[in-house]
Amino acid sequence: MASGPLAARWFRVIATFEAISWTALLIAMFLKWIVKAPHEGGVPVVGMVHGIGFVVYVLSTLWAYRTLHWTFKTLVVGVVAGFPPFGTLVFERWLVRHGLLTTRSRRSSTAAAAPSRG
């Protein structure tokens, strides 16, 4: 299997997971600081899950950068998108809109350059 489509698929899954873990962390912090829930509202556990999700998101962004041939600027924006809540989803939607989560354009340009048999 080609690594480009796999990298794109994993990037989308991890970007979504990172946003979900942000949501869970925001809820846990609300429970801890506003509701004054016992056991710190789950912040330590949810915070660790979110932290691991962020690291995996950065790694998947680096993988997508290399395999999908993004520009360095796109890589930087992708990493920065991991910091604000839901930034990964906004970035992922932007990538889809601009066709940067596919290798189809590279394949079609390669096919166009190849001589036809006939």
PDB file of N, CA and C in Angstrom:
ATOM      1  N   MET A   1       0.844  -1.181   0.000  1.00  0.00           N
ATOM      2  CA  MET A   1       0.000   0.000   0.000  1.00  0.00           C
ATOM      3  C   MET A   1       0.888   1.243   0.000  1.00  0.00           C
ATOM      4  N   ALA A   2       0.509   2.230  -0.775  1.00  0.00           N
ATOM      5  CA  ALA A   2       1.265   3.468  -0.847  1.00  0.00           C
ATOM      6  C   ALA A   2       1.156   4.213   0.476  1.00  0.00           C
ATOM      7  N   SER A   3       2.249   4.835   0.894  1.00  0.00           N
ATOM      8  CA  SER A   3       2.244   5.499   2.197  1.00  0.00           C
ATOM      9  C   SER A   3       1.504   6.835   2.172  1.00  0.00           C
ATOM     10  N   GLY A   4       1.339   7.466   1.007  1.00  0.00           N
ATOM     11  CA  GLY A   4       0.642   8.751   0.921  1.00  0.00           C
ATOM     12  C   GLY A   4      -0.801   8.685   1.401  1.00  0.00           C
ATOM     13  N   PRO A   5      -1.621   7.797   0.834  1.00  0.00           N
ATOM     14  CA  PRO A   5      -3.011   7.697   1.310  1.00  0.00           C
ATOM     15  C   PRO A   5      -3.102   7.260   2.775  1.00  0.00           C
ATOM     16  N   LEU A   6      -2.184   6.405   3.196  1.00  0.00           N
ATOM     17  CA  LEU A   6      -2.192   5.968   4.592  1.00  0.00           C
ATOM     18  C   LEU A   6      -1.854   7.140   5.512  1.00  0.00           C
ATOM     19  N   ALA A   7      -0.874   7.931   5.142  1.00  0.00           N
ATOM     20  CA  ALA A   7      -0.505   9.102   5.949  1.00  0.00           C
ATOM     21  C   ALA A   7      -1.662  10.093   6.019  1.00  0.00           C
ATOM     22  N   ALA A   8      -2.343  10.308   4.899  1.00  0.00           N
ATOM     23  CA  ALA A   8      -3.477  11.239   4.868  1.00  0.00           C
ATOM     24  C   ALA A   8      -4.605  10.746   5.762  1.00  0.00           C
ATOM     25  N   ARG A   9      -4.905   9.467   5.681  1.00  0.00           N
ATOM     26  CA  ARG A   9      -5.983   8.894   6.500  1.00  0.00           C
ATOM     27  C   ARG A   9      -5.649   8.990   7.988  1.00  0.00           C
ATOM     28  N   TRP A  10      -4.421   8.601   8.348  1.00  0.00           N
ATOM     29  CA  TRP A  10      -4.020   8.676   9.745  1.00  0.00           C
ATOM     30  C   TRP A  10      -3.992  10.107  10.239  1.00  0.00           C
ATOM     31  N   PHE A  11      -3.548  11.037   9.389  1.00  0.00           N
ATOM     32  CA  PHE A  11      -3.539  12.437   9.794  1.00  0.00           C
ATOM     33  C   PHE A  11      -4.953  12.888  10.151  1.00  0.00           C
ATOM     34  N   ARG A  12      -5.919  12.547   9.311  1.00  0.00           N
ATOM     35  CA  ARG A  12      -7.309  12.952   9.570  1.00  0.00           C
ATOM     36  C   ARG A  12      -7.831  12.346  10.867  1.00  0.00           C
ATOM     37  N   VAL A  13      -7.527  11.083  11.114  1.00  0.00           N
ATOM     38  CA  VAL A  13      -7.988  10.412  12.342  1.00  0.00           C
ATOM     39  C   VAL A  13      -7.346  11.060  13.565  1.00  0.00           C
ATOM     40  N   ILE A  14      -6.047  11.281  13.511  1.00  0.00           N
ATOM     41  CA  ILE A  14      -5.331  11.847  14.655  1.00  0.00           C
ATOM     42  C   ILE A  14      -5.752  13.296  14.895  1.00  0.00           C
ATOM     43  N   ALA A  15      -5.956  14.076  13.833  1.00  0.00           N
ATOM     44  CA  ALA A  15      -6.404  15.468  13.989  1.00  0.00           C
ATOM     45  C   ALA A  15      -7.769  15.505  14.674  1.00  0.00           C
ATOM     46  N   THR A  16      -8.642  14.585  14.314  1.00  0.00           N
ATOM     47  CA  THR A  16      -9.957  14.517  14.940  1.00  0.00           C
ATOM     48  C   THR A  16      -9.839  14.086  16.396  1.00  0.00           C
ATOM     49  N   PHE A  17      -9.006  13.074  16.660  1.00  0.00           N
ATOM     50  CA  PHE A  17      -8.796  12.628  18.034  1.00  0.00           C
ATOM     51  C   PHE A  17      -8.252  13.756  18.896  1.00  0.00           C
ATOM     52  N   GLU A  18      -7.310  14.522  18.362  1.00  0.00           N
ATOM     53  CA  GLU A  18      -6.711  15.624  19.120  1.00  0.00           C
ATOM     54  C   GLU A  18      -7.775  16.654  19.489  1.00  0.00           C
ATOM     55  N   ALA A  19      -8.681  16.949  18.567  1.00  0.00           N
ATOM     56  CA  ALA A  19      -9.766  17.898  18.850  1.00  0.00           C
ATOM     57  C   ALA A  19     -10.732  17.336  19.900  1.00  0.00           C
ATOM     58  N   ILE A  20     -11.018  16.046  19.823  1.00  0.00           N
ATOM     59  CA  ILE A  20     -11.900  15.414  20.807  1.00  0.00           C
ATOM     60  C   ILE A  20     -11.246  15.436  22.189  1.00  0.00           C
ATOM     61  N   SER A  21      -9.949  15.173  22.229  1.00  0.00           N
ATOM     62  CA  SER A  21      -9.270  15.192  23.523  1.00  0.00           C
ATOM     63  C   SER A  21      -9.218  16.610  24.095  1.00  0.00           C
ATOM     64  N   TRP A  22      -9.146  17.626  23.221  1.00  0.00           N
ATOM     65  CA  TRP A  22      -9.231  19.019  23.682  1.00  0.00           C
ATOM     66  C   TRP A  22     -10.584  19.257  24.341  1.00  0.00           C
ATOM     67  N   THR A  23     -11.637  18.774  23.687  1.00  0.00           N
ATOM     68  CA  THR A  23     -12.984  18.934  24.226  1.00  0.00           C
ATOM     69  C   THR A  23     -13.090  18.274  25.603  1.00  0.00           C
ATOM     70  N   ALA A  24     -12.578  17.058  25.711  1.00  0.00           N
ATOM     71  CA  ALA A  24     -12.618  16.348  26.990  1.00  0.00           C
ATOM     72  C   ALA A  24     -11.834  17.105  28.057  1.00  0.00           C
ATOM     73  N   LEU A  25     -10.697  17.667  27.689  1.00  0.00           N
ATOM     74  CA  LEU A  25      -9.898  18.416  28.654  1.00  0.00           C
ATOM     75  C   LEU A  25     -10.616  19.693  29.091  1.00  0.00           C
ATOM     76  N   LEU A  26     -11.253  20.371  28.156  1.00  0.00           N
ATOM     77  CA  LEU A  26     -12.008  21.577  28.519  1.00  0.00           C
ATOM     78  C   LEU A  26     -13.156  21.245  29.469  1.00  0.00           C
ATOM     79  N   ILE A  27     -13.831  20.124  29.217  1.00  0.00           N
ATOM     80  CA  ILE A  27     -14.916  19.687  30.106  1.00  0.00           C
ATOM     81  C   ILE A  27     -14.355  19.345  31.486  1.00  0.00           C
ATOM     82  N   ALA A  28     -13.237  18.618  31.501  1.00  0.00           N
ATOM     83  CA  ALA A  28     -12.626  18.241  32.783  1.00  0.00           C
ATOM     84  C   ALA A  28     -12.185  19.477  33.565  1.00  0.00           C
ATOM     85  N   MET A  29     -11.625  20.461  32.875  1.00  0.00           N
ATOM     86  CA  MET A  29     -11.211  21.687  33.569  1.00  0.00           C
ATOM     87  C   MET A  29     -12.425  22.455  34.085  1.00  0.00           C
ATOM     88  N   PHE A  30     -13.514  22.446  33.320  1.00  0.00           N
ATOM     89  CA  PHE A  30     -14.752  23.071  33.782  1.00  0.00           C
ATOM     90  C   PHE A  30     -15.240  22.394  35.059  1.00  0.00           C
ATOM     91  N   LEU A  31     -15.213  21.053  35.057  1.00  0.00           N
ATOM     92  CA  LEU A  31     -15.650  20.308  36.243  1.00  0.00           C
ATOM     93  C   LEU A  31     -14.752  20.603  37.443  1.00  0.00           C
ATOM     94  N   LYS A  32     -13.458  20.721  37.203  1.00  0.00           N
ATOM     95  CA  LYS A  32     -12.524  20.959  38.304  1.00  0.00           C
ATOM     96  C   LYS A  32     -12.659  22.377  38.866  1.00  0.00           C
ATOM     97  N   TRP A  33     -12.661  23.381  38.004  1.00  0.00           N
ATOM     98  CA  TRP A  33     -12.570  24.761  38.463  1.00  0.00           C
ATOM     99  C   TRP A  33     -13.922  25.433  38.705  1.00  0.00           C
ATOM    100  N   ILE A  34     -14.938  25.065  37.946  1.00  0.00           N
ATOM    101  CA  ILE A  34     -16.239  25.728  38.077  1.00  0.00           C
ATOM    102  C   ILE A  34     -17.174  24.917  38.973  1.00  0.00           C
ATOM    103  N   VAL A  35     -17.304  23.628  38.669  1.00  0.00           N
ATOM    104  CA  VAL A  35     -18.218  22.767  39.422  1.00  0.00           C
ATOM    105  C   VAL A  35     -17.582  22.306  40.731  1.00  0.00           C
ATOM    106  N   LYS A  36     -16.267  22.367  40.815  1.00  0.00           N
ATOM    107  CA  LYS A  36     -15.523  21.895  42.000  1.00  0.00           C
ATOM    108  C   LYS A  36     -15.762  20.406  42.243  1.00  0.00           C
ATOM    109  N   ALA A  37     -15.665  19.635  41.165  1.00  0.00           N
ATOM    110  CA  ALA A  37     -15.882  18.191  41.235  1.00  0.00           C
ATOM    111  C   ALA A  37     -14.764  17.520  42.036  1.00  0.00           C
ATOM    112  N   PRO A  38     -15.100  16.394  42.682  1.00  0.00           N
ATOM    113  CA  PRO A  38     -14.052  15.668  43.406  1.00  0.00           C
ATOM    114  C   PRO A  38     -13.076  15.021  42.414  1.00  0.00           C
ATOM    115  N   HIS A  39     -11.930  14.642  42.911  1.00  0.00           N
ATOM    116  CA  HIS A  39     -10.914  13.968  42.101  1.00  0.00           C
ATOM    117  C   HIS A  39     -10.447  14.839  40.929  1.00  0.00           C
ATOM    118  N   GLU A  40     -10.430  16.130  41.134  1.00  0.00           N
ATOM    119  CA  GLU A  40      -9.917  17.090  40.153  1.00  0.00           C
ATOM    120  C   GLU A  40     -10.635  17.037  38.813  1.00  0.00           C
ATOM    121  N   GLY A  41     -11.826  16.484  38.778  1.00  0.00           N
ATOM    122  CA  GLY A  41     -12.621  16.471  37.559  1.00  0.00           C
ATOM    123  C   GLY A  41     -12.037  15.643  36.431  1.00  0.00           C
ATOM    124  N   GLY A  42     -11.072  14.812  36.726  1.00  0.00           N
ATOM    125  CA  GLY A  42     -10.467  13.979  35.694  1.00  0.00           C
ATOM    126  C   GLY A  42      -9.349  14.663  34.925  1.00  0.00           C
ATOM    127  N   VAL A  43      -8.956  15.862  35.332  1.00  0.00           N
ATOM    128  CA  VAL A  43      -7.943  16.616  34.588  1.00  0.00           C
ATOM    129  C   VAL A  43      -6.622  15.857  34.439  1.00  0.00           C
ATOM    130  N   PRO A  44      -6.095  15.204  35.480  1.00  0.00           N
ATOM    131  CA  PRO A  44      -4.817  14.518  35.288  1.00  0.00           C
ATOM    132  C   PRO A  44      -4.863  13.435  34.202  1.00  0.00           C
ATOM    133  N   VAL A  45      -5.913  12.648  34.197  1.00  0.00           N
ATOM    134  CA  VAL A  45      -6.015  11.562  33.219  1.00  0.00           C
ATOM    135  C   VAL A  45      -6.290  12.126  31.819  1.00  0.00           C
ATOM    136  N   VAL A  46      -7.283  12.982  31.733  1.00  0.00           N
ATOM    137  CA  VAL A  46      -7.643  13.552  30.427  1.00  0.00           C
ATOM    138  C   VAL A  46      -6.500  14.403  29.894  1.00  0.00           C
ATOM    139  N   GLY A  47      -5.801  15.102  30.800  1.00  0.00           N
ATOM    140  CA  GLY A  47      -4.662  15.909  30.378  1.00  0.00           C
ATOM    141  C   GLY A  47      -3.552  15.059  29.785  1.00  0.00           C
ATOM    142  N   MET A  48      -3.303  13.891  30.392  1.00  0.00           N
ATOM    143  CA  MET A  48      -2.279  13.009  29.843  1.00  0.00           C
ATOM    144  C   MET A  48      -2.699  12.448  28.494  1.00  0.00           C
ATOM    145  N   VAL A  49      -3.953  12.057  28.373  1.00  0.00           N
ATOM    146  CA  VAL A  49      -4.455  11.548  27.084  1.00  0.00           C
ATOM    147  C   VAL A  49      -4.321  12.627  26.007  1.00  0.00           C
ATOM    148  N   HIS A  50      -4.690  13.850  26.365  1.00  0.00           N
ATOM    149  CA  HIS A  50      -4.577  14.956  25.407  1.00  0.00           C
ATOM    150  C   HIS A  50      -3.115  15.226  25.047  1.00  0.00           C
ATOM    151  N   GLY A  51      -2.231  15.169  26.032  1.00  0.00           N
ATOM    152  CA  GLY A  51      -0.809  15.392  25.764  1.00  0.00           C
ATOM    153  C   GLY A  51      -0.235  14.354  24.817  1.00  0.00           C
ATOM    154  N   ILE A  52      -0.585  13.108  25.053  1.00  0.00           N
ATOM    155  CA  ILE A  52      -0.128  12.039  24.149  1.00  0.00           C
ATOM    156  C   ILE A  52      -0.737  12.245  22.767  1.00  0.00           C
ATOM    157  N   GLY A  53      -2.018  12.622  22.723  1.00  0.00           N
ATOM    158  CA  GLY A  53      -2.665  12.891  21.437  1.00  0.00           C
ATOM    159  C   GLY A  53      -1.983  14.020  20.678  1.00  0.00           C
ATOM    160  N   PHE A  54      -1.537  15.041  21.400  1.00  0.00           N
ATOM    161  CA  PHE A  54      -0.844  16.156  20.757  1.00  0.00           C
ATOM    162  C   PHE A  54       0.484  15.703  20.153  1.00  0.00           C
ATOM    163  N   VAL A  55       1.242  14.914  20.916  1.00  0.00           N
ATOM    164  CA  VAL A  55       2.522  14.419  20.405  1.00  0.00           C
ATOM    165  C   VAL A  55       2.300  13.551  19.164  1.00  0.00           C
ATOM    166  N   VAL A  56       1.310  12.680  19.212  1.00  0.00           N
ATOM    167  CA  VAL A  56       1.006  11.835  18.052  1.00  0.00           C
ATOM    168  C   VAL A  56       0.544  12.698  16.875  1.00  0.00           C
ATOM    169  N   TYR A  57      -0.217  13.771  17.151  1.00  0.00           N
ATOM    170  CA  TYR A  57      -0.634  14.695  16.092  1.00  0.00           C
ATOM    171  C   TYR A  57       0.581  15.335  15.422  1.00  0.00           C
ATOM    172  N   VAL A  58       1.538  15.797  16.202  1.00  0.00           N
ATOM    173  CA  VAL A  58       2.735  16.409  15.620  1.00  0.00           C
ATOM    174  C   VAL A  58       3.488  15.389  14.772  1.00  0.00           C
ATOM    175  N   LEU A  59       3.611  14.163  15.268  1.00  0.00           N
ATOM    176  CA  LEU A  59       4.287  13.117  14.492  1.00  0.00           C
ATOM    177  C   LEU A  59       3.540  12.806  13.199  1.00  0.00           C
ATOM    178  N   SER A  60       2.219  12.751  13.256  1.00  0.00           N
ATOM    179  CA  SER A  60       1.448  12.479  12.037  1.00  0.00           C
ATOM    180  C   SER A  60       1.536  13.647  11.058  1.00  0.00           C
ATOM    181  N   THR A  61       1.662  14.860  11.582  1.00  0.00           N
ATOM    182  CA  THR A  61       1.839  16.026  10.720  1.00  0.00           C
ATOM    183  C   THR A  61       3.191  15.949  10.004  1.00  0.00           C
ATOM    184  N   LEU A  62       4.228  15.548  10.723  1.00  0.00           N
ATOM    185  CA  LEU A  62       5.547  15.385  10.097  1.00  0.00           C
ATOM    186  C   LEU A  62       5.518  14.290   9.032  1.00  0.00           C
ATOM    187  N   TRP A  63       4.830  13.197   9.327  1.00  0.00           N
ATOM    188  CA  TRP A  63       4.715  12.094   8.368  1.00  0.00           C
ATOM    189  C   TRP A  63       3.976  12.560   7.114  1.00  0.00           C
ATOM    190  N   ALA A  64       2.865  13.259   7.304  1.00  0.00           N
ATOM    191  CA  ALA A  64       2.105  13.762   6.155  1.00  0.00           C
ATOM    192  C   ALA A  64       2.936  14.773   5.356  1.00  0.00           C
ATOM    193  N   TYR A  65       3.675  15.617   6.036  1.00  0.00           N
ATOM    194  CA  TYR A  65       4.548  16.601   5.372  1.00  0.00           C
ATOM    195  C   TYR A  65       5.523  15.897   4.425  1.00  0.00           C
ATOM    196  N   ARG A  66       6.128  14.823   4.911  1.00  0.00           N
ATOM    197  CA  ARG A  66       7.115  14.114   4.080  1.00  0.00           C
ATOM    198  C   ARG A  66       6.468  13.299   2.960  1.00  0.00           C
ATOM    199  N   THR A  67       5.402  12.599   3.261  1.00  0.00           N
ATOM    200  CA  THR A  67       4.834  11.695   2.255  1.00  0.00           C
ATOM    201  C   THR A  67       3.910  12.395   1.271  1.00  0.00           C
ATOM    202  N   LEU A  68       3.253  13.480   1.706  1.00  0.00           N
ATOM    203  CA  LEU A  68       2.333  14.191   0.815  1.00  0.00           C
ATOM    204  C   LEU A  68       2.972  15.426   0.196  1.00  0.00           C
ATOM    205  N   HIS A  69       4.246  15.641   0.508  1.00  0.00           N
ATOM    206  CA  HIS A  69       5.038  16.723  -0.097  1.00  0.00           C
ATOM    207  C   HIS A  69       4.437  18.100   0.144  1.00  0.00           C
ATOM    208  N   TRP A  70       4.095  18.368   1.409  1.00  0.00           N
ATOM    209  CA  TRP A  70       3.613  19.685   1.769  1.00  0.00           C
ATOM    210  C   TRP A  70       4.788  20.658   1.773  1.00  0.00           C
ATOM    211  N   THR A  71       4.494  21.930   1.701  1.00  0.00           N
ATOM    212  CA  THR A  71       5.535  22.943   1.851  1.00  0.00           C
ATOM    213  C   THR A  71       5.898  23.052   3.339  1.00  0.00           C
ATOM    214  N   PHE A  72       7.046  23.649   3.606  1.00  0.00           N
ATOM    215  CA  PHE A  72       7.461  23.839   4.995  1.00  0.00           C
ATOM    216  C   PHE A  72       6.471  24.743   5.722  1.00  0.00           C
ATOM    217  N   LYS A  73       5.943  25.728   5.017  1.00  0.00           N
ATOM    218  CA  LYS A  73       4.958  26.637   5.613  1.00  0.00           C
ATOM    219  C   LYS A  73       3.713  25.859   6.063  1.00  0.00           C
ATOM    220  N   THR A  74       3.263  24.918   5.246  1.00  0.00           N
ATOM    221  CA  THR A  74       2.105  24.095   5.602  1.00  0.00           C
ATOM    222  C   THR A  74       2.414  23.263   6.839  1.00  0.00           C
ATOM    223  N   LEU A  75       3.631  22.724   6.912  1.00  0.00           N
ATOM    224  CA  LEU A  75       4.040  21.967   8.095  1.00  0.00           C
ATOM    225  C   LEU A  75       3.973  22.835   9.349  1.00  0.00           C
ATOM    226  N   VAL A  76       4.521  24.047   9.279  1.00  0.00           N
ATOM    227  CA  VAL A  76       4.530  24.942  10.439  1.00  0.00           C
ATOM    228  C   VAL A  76       3.102  25.287  10.859  1.00  0.00           C
ATOM    229  N   VAL A  77       2.249  25.606   9.881  1.00  0.00           N
ATOM    230  CA  VAL A  77       0.851  25.926  10.204  1.00  0.00           C
ATOM    231  C   VAL A  77       0.180  24.711  10.843  1.00  0.00           C
ATOM    232  N   GLY A  78       0.482  23.524  10.341  1.00  0.00           N
ATOM    233  CA  GLY A  78      -0.093  22.308  10.904  1.00  0.00           C
ATOM    234  C   GLY A  78       0.304  22.082  12.344  1.00  0.00           C
ATOM    235  N   VAL A  79       1.573  22.292  12.659  1.00  0.00           N
ATOM    236  CA  VAL A  79       2.025  22.115  14.040  1.00  0.00           C
ATOM    237  C   VAL A  79       1.399  23.177  14.937  1.00  0.00           C
ATOM    238  N   VAL A  80       1.380  24.422  14.480  1.00  0.00           N
ATOM    239  CA  VAL A  80       0.786  25.504  15.272  1.00  0.00           C
ATOM    240  C   VAL A  80      -0.708  25.269  15.479  1.00  0.00           C
ATOM    241  N   ALA A  81      -1.368  24.645  14.511  1.00  0.00           N
ATOM    242  CA  ALA A  81      -2.805  24.364  14.615  1.00  0.00           C
ATOM    243  C   ALA A  81      -3.120  23.427  15.780  1.00  0.00           C
ATOM    244  N   GLY A  82      -2.132  22.717  16.273  1.00  0.00           N
ATOM    245  CA  GLY A  82      -2.356  21.820  17.397  1.00  0.00           C
ATOM    246  C   GLY A  82      -2.481  22.527  18.731  1.00  0.00           C
ATOM    247  N   PHE A  83      -2.130  23.802  18.796  1.00  0.00           N
ATOM    248  CA  PHE A  83      -2.159  24.515  20.076  1.00  0.00           C
ATOM    249  C   PHE A  83      -3.536  25.048  20.461  1.00  0.00           C
ATOM    250  N   PRO A  84      -4.233  25.788  19.613  1.00  0.00           N
ATOM    251  CA  PRO A  84      -5.552  26.268  20.049  1.00  0.00           C
ATOM    252  C   PRO A  84      -6.595  25.148  19.988  1.00  0.00           C
ATOM    253  N   PRO A  85      -7.601  25.220  20.851  1.00  0.00           N
ATOM    254  CA  PRO A  85      -8.659  24.194  20.786  1.00  0.00           C
ATOM    255  C   PRO A  85      -9.284  24.138  19.393  1.00  0.00           C
ATOM    256  N   PHE A  86      -9.418  22.954  18.879  1.00  0.00           N
ATOM    257  CA  PHE A  86     -10.075  22.669  17.592  1.00  0.00           C
ATOM    258  C   PHE A  86      -9.307  23.183  16.383  1.00  0.00           C
ATOM    259  N   GLY A  87      -8.092  23.661  16.583  1.00  0.00           N
ATOM    260  CA  GLY A  87      -7.280  24.129  15.455  1.00  0.00           C
ATOM    261  C   GLY A  87      -6.941  23.018  14.478  1.00  0.00           C
ATOM    262  N   THR A  88      -6.810  21.792  14.993  1.00  0.00           N
ATOM    263  CA  THR A  88      -6.491  20.673  14.107  1.00  0.00           C
ATOM    264  C   THR A  88      -7.627  20.395  13.132  1.00  0.00           C
ATOM    265  N   LEU A  89      -8.868  20.568  13.596  1.00  0.00           N
ATOM    266  CA  LEU A  89     -10.004  20.361  12.691  1.00  0.00           C
ATOM    267  C   LEU A  89     -10.071  21.444  11.624  1.00  0.00           C
ATOM    268  N   VAL A  90      -9.814  22.687  12.018  1.00  0.00           N
ATOM    269  CA  VAL A  90      -9.806  23.782  11.047  1.00  0.00           C
ATOM    270  C   VAL A  90      -8.718  23.543  10.012  1.00  0.00           C
ATOM    271  N   PHE A  91      -7.527  23.143  10.474  1.00  0.00           N
ATOM    272  CA  PHE A  91      -6.422  22.868   9.564  1.00  0.00           C
ATOM    273  C   PHE A  91      -6.746  21.696   8.646  1.00  0.00           C
ATOM    274  N   GLU A  92      -7.319  20.643   9.188  1.00  0.00           N
ATOM    275  CA  GLU A  92      -7.669  19.465   8.364  1.00  0.00           C
ATOM    276  C   GLU A  92      -8.680  19.843   7.289  1.00  0.00           C
ATOM    277  N   ARG A  93      -9.677  20.653   7.633  1.00  0.00           N
ATOM    278  CA  ARG A  93     -10.673  21.098   6.636  1.00  0.00           C
ATOM    279  C   ARG A  93     -10.002  21.939   5.554  1.00  0.00           C
ATOM    280  N   TRP A  94      -9.056  22.785   5.960  1.00  0.00           N
ATOM    281  CA  TRP A  94      -8.330  23.612   4.995  1.00  0.00           C
ATOM    282  C   TRP A  94      -7.533  22.724   4.037  1.00  0.00           C
ATOM    283  N   LEU A  95      -6.891  21.681   4.576  1.00  0.00           N
ATOM    284  CA  LEU A  95      -6.133  20.753   3.729  1.00  0.00           C
ATOM    285  C   LEU A  95      -7.036  20.066   2.711  1.00  0.00           C
ATOM    286  N   VAL A  96      -8.211  19.640   3.160  1.00  0.00           N
ATOM    287  CA  VAL A  96      -9.158  18.976   2.260  1.00  0.00           C
ATOM    288  C   VAL A  96      -9.595  19.937   1.158  1.00  0.00           C
ATOM    289  N   ARG A  97      -9.952  21.169   1.548  1.00  0.00           N
ATOM    290  CA  ARG A  97     -10.390  22.175   0.569  1.00  0.00           C
ATOM    291  C   ARG A  97      -9.337  22.460  -0.489  1.00  0.00           C
ATOM    292  N   HIS A  98      -8.081  22.409  -0.103  1.00  0.00           N
ATOM    293  CA  HIS A  98      -6.993  22.719  -1.031  1.00  0.00           C
ATOM    294  C   HIS A  98      -6.369  21.477  -1.660  1.00  0.00           C
ATOM    295  N   GLY A  99      -6.958  20.322  -1.415  1.00  0.00           N
ATOM    296  CA  GLY A  99      -6.488  19.089  -2.044  1.00  0.00           C
ATOM    297  C   GLY A  99      -5.125  18.622  -1.560  1.00  0.00           C
ATOM    298  N   LEU A 100      -4.762  18.967  -0.339  1.00  0.00           N
ATOM    299  CA  LEU A 100      -3.436  18.614   0.168  1.00  0.00           C
ATOM    300  C   LEU A 100      -3.412  17.314   0.961  1.00  0.00           C
ATOM    301  N   LEU A 101      -4.542  16.641   1.041  1.00  0.00           N
ATOM    302  CA  LEU A 101      -4.567  15.336   1.703  1.00  0.00           C
ATOM    303  C   LEU A 101      -4.743  14.215   0.694  1.00  0.00           C
ATOM    304  N   THR A 102      -4.281  14.453  -0.496  1.00  0.00           N
ATOM    305  CA  THR A 102      -4.370  13.437  -1.532  1.00  0.00           C
ATOM    306  C   THR A 102      -3.083  13.434  -2.331  1.00  0.00           C
ATOM    307  N   THR A 103      -2.766  12.289  -2.888  1.00  0.00           N
ATOM    308  CA  THR A 103      -1.613  12.203  -3.778  1.00  0.00           C
ATOM    309  C   THR A 103      -2.070  12.099  -5.222  1.00  0.00           C
ATOM    310  N   ARG A 104      -3.379  12.261  -5.449  1.00  0.00           N
ATOM    311  CA  ARG A 104      -3.938  12.114  -6.784  1.00  0.00           C
ATOM    312  C   ARG A 104      -3.296  13.089  -7.777  1.00  0.00           C
ATOM    313  N   SER A 105      -3.113  14.337  -7.373  1.00  0.00           N
ATOM    314  CA  SER A 105      -2.562  15.317  -8.295  1.00  0.00           C
ATOM    315  C   SER A 105      -1.151  14.926  -8.715  1.00  0.00           C
ATOM    316  N   ARG A 106      -0.367  14.373  -7.798  1.00  0.00           N
ATOM    317  CA  ARG A 106       0.977  13.938  -8.148  1.00  0.00           C
ATOM    318  C   ARG A 106       0.933  12.759  -9.100  1.00  0.00           C
ATOM    319  N   ARG A 107       0.008  11.817  -8.855  1.00  0.00           N
ATOM    320  CA  ARG A 107      -0.121  10.666  -9.743  1.00  0.00           C
ATOM    321  C   ARG A 107      -0.591  11.070 -11.121  1.00  0.00           C
ATOM    322  N   SER A 108      -1.563  11.989 -11.189  1.00  0.00           N
ATOM    323  CA  SER A 108      -2.085  12.381 -12.492  1.00  0.00           C
ATOM    324  C   SER A 108      -1.032  13.130 -13.289  1.00  0.00           C
ATOM    325  N   SER A 109      -0.176  13.920 -12.620  1.00  0.00           N
ATOM    326  CA  SER A 109       0.872  14.613 -13.359  1.00  0.00           C
ATOM    327  C   SER A 109       1.935  13.631 -13.819  1.00  0.00           C
ATOM    328  N   THR A 110       2.200  12.576 -13.028  1.00  0.00           N
ATOM    329  CA  THR A 110       3.146  11.547 -13.440  1.00  0.00           C
ATOM    330  C   THR A 110       2.585  10.769 -14.623  1.00  0.00           C
ATOM    331  N   ALA A 111       1.291  10.460 -14.569  1.00  0.00           N
ATOM    332  CA  ALA A 111       0.659   9.717 -15.670  1.00  0.00           C
ATOM    333  C   ALA A 111       0.660  10.542 -16.947  1.00  0.00           C
ATOM    334  N   ALA A 112       0.478  11.829 -16.821  1.00  0.00           N
ATOM    335  CA  ALA A 112       0.462  12.694 -18.000  1.00  0.00           C
ATOM    336  C   ALA A 112       1.845  12.776 -18.632  1.00  0.00           C
ATOM    337  N   ALA A 113       2.898  12.682 -17.813  1.00  0.00           N
ATOM    338  CA  ALA A 113       4.250  12.782 -18.334  1.00  0.00           C
ATOM    339  C   ALA A 113       4.719  11.472 -18.955  1.00  0.00           C
ATOM    340  N   ALA A 114       4.107  10.360 -18.569  1.00  0.00           N
ATOM    341  CA  ALA A 114       4.526   9.070 -19.086  1.00  0.00           C
ATOM    342  C   ALA A 114       4.038   8.893 -20.521  1.00  0.00           C
ATOM    343  N   PRO A 115       4.889   8.328 -21.386  1.00  0.00           N
ATOM    344  CA  PRO A 115       4.460   8.105 -22.764  1.00  0.00           C
ATOM    345  C   PRO A 115       3.373   7.032 -22.817  1.00  0.00           C
ATOM    346  N   SER A 116       2.424   7.233 -23.701  1.00  0.00           N
ATOM    347  CA  SER A 116       1.338   6.269 -23.819  1.00  0.00           C
ATOM    348  C   SER A 116       1.762   5.134 -24.728  1.00  0.00           C
ATOM    349  N   ARG A 117       1.254   3.967 -24.415  1.00  0.00           N
ATOM    350  CA  ARG A 117       1.530   2.795 -25.263  1.00  0.00           C
ATOM    351  C   ARG A 117       0.395   2.664 -26.252  1.00  0.00           C
ATOM    352  N   GLY A 118       0.699   2.548 -27.429  1.00  0.00           N
ATOM    353  CA  GLY A 118      -0.428   2.467 -28.334  1.00  0.00           C
ATOM    354  C   GLY A 118      -0.059   2.202 -29.657  1.00  0.00           C
TER     355      GLY A 118
END
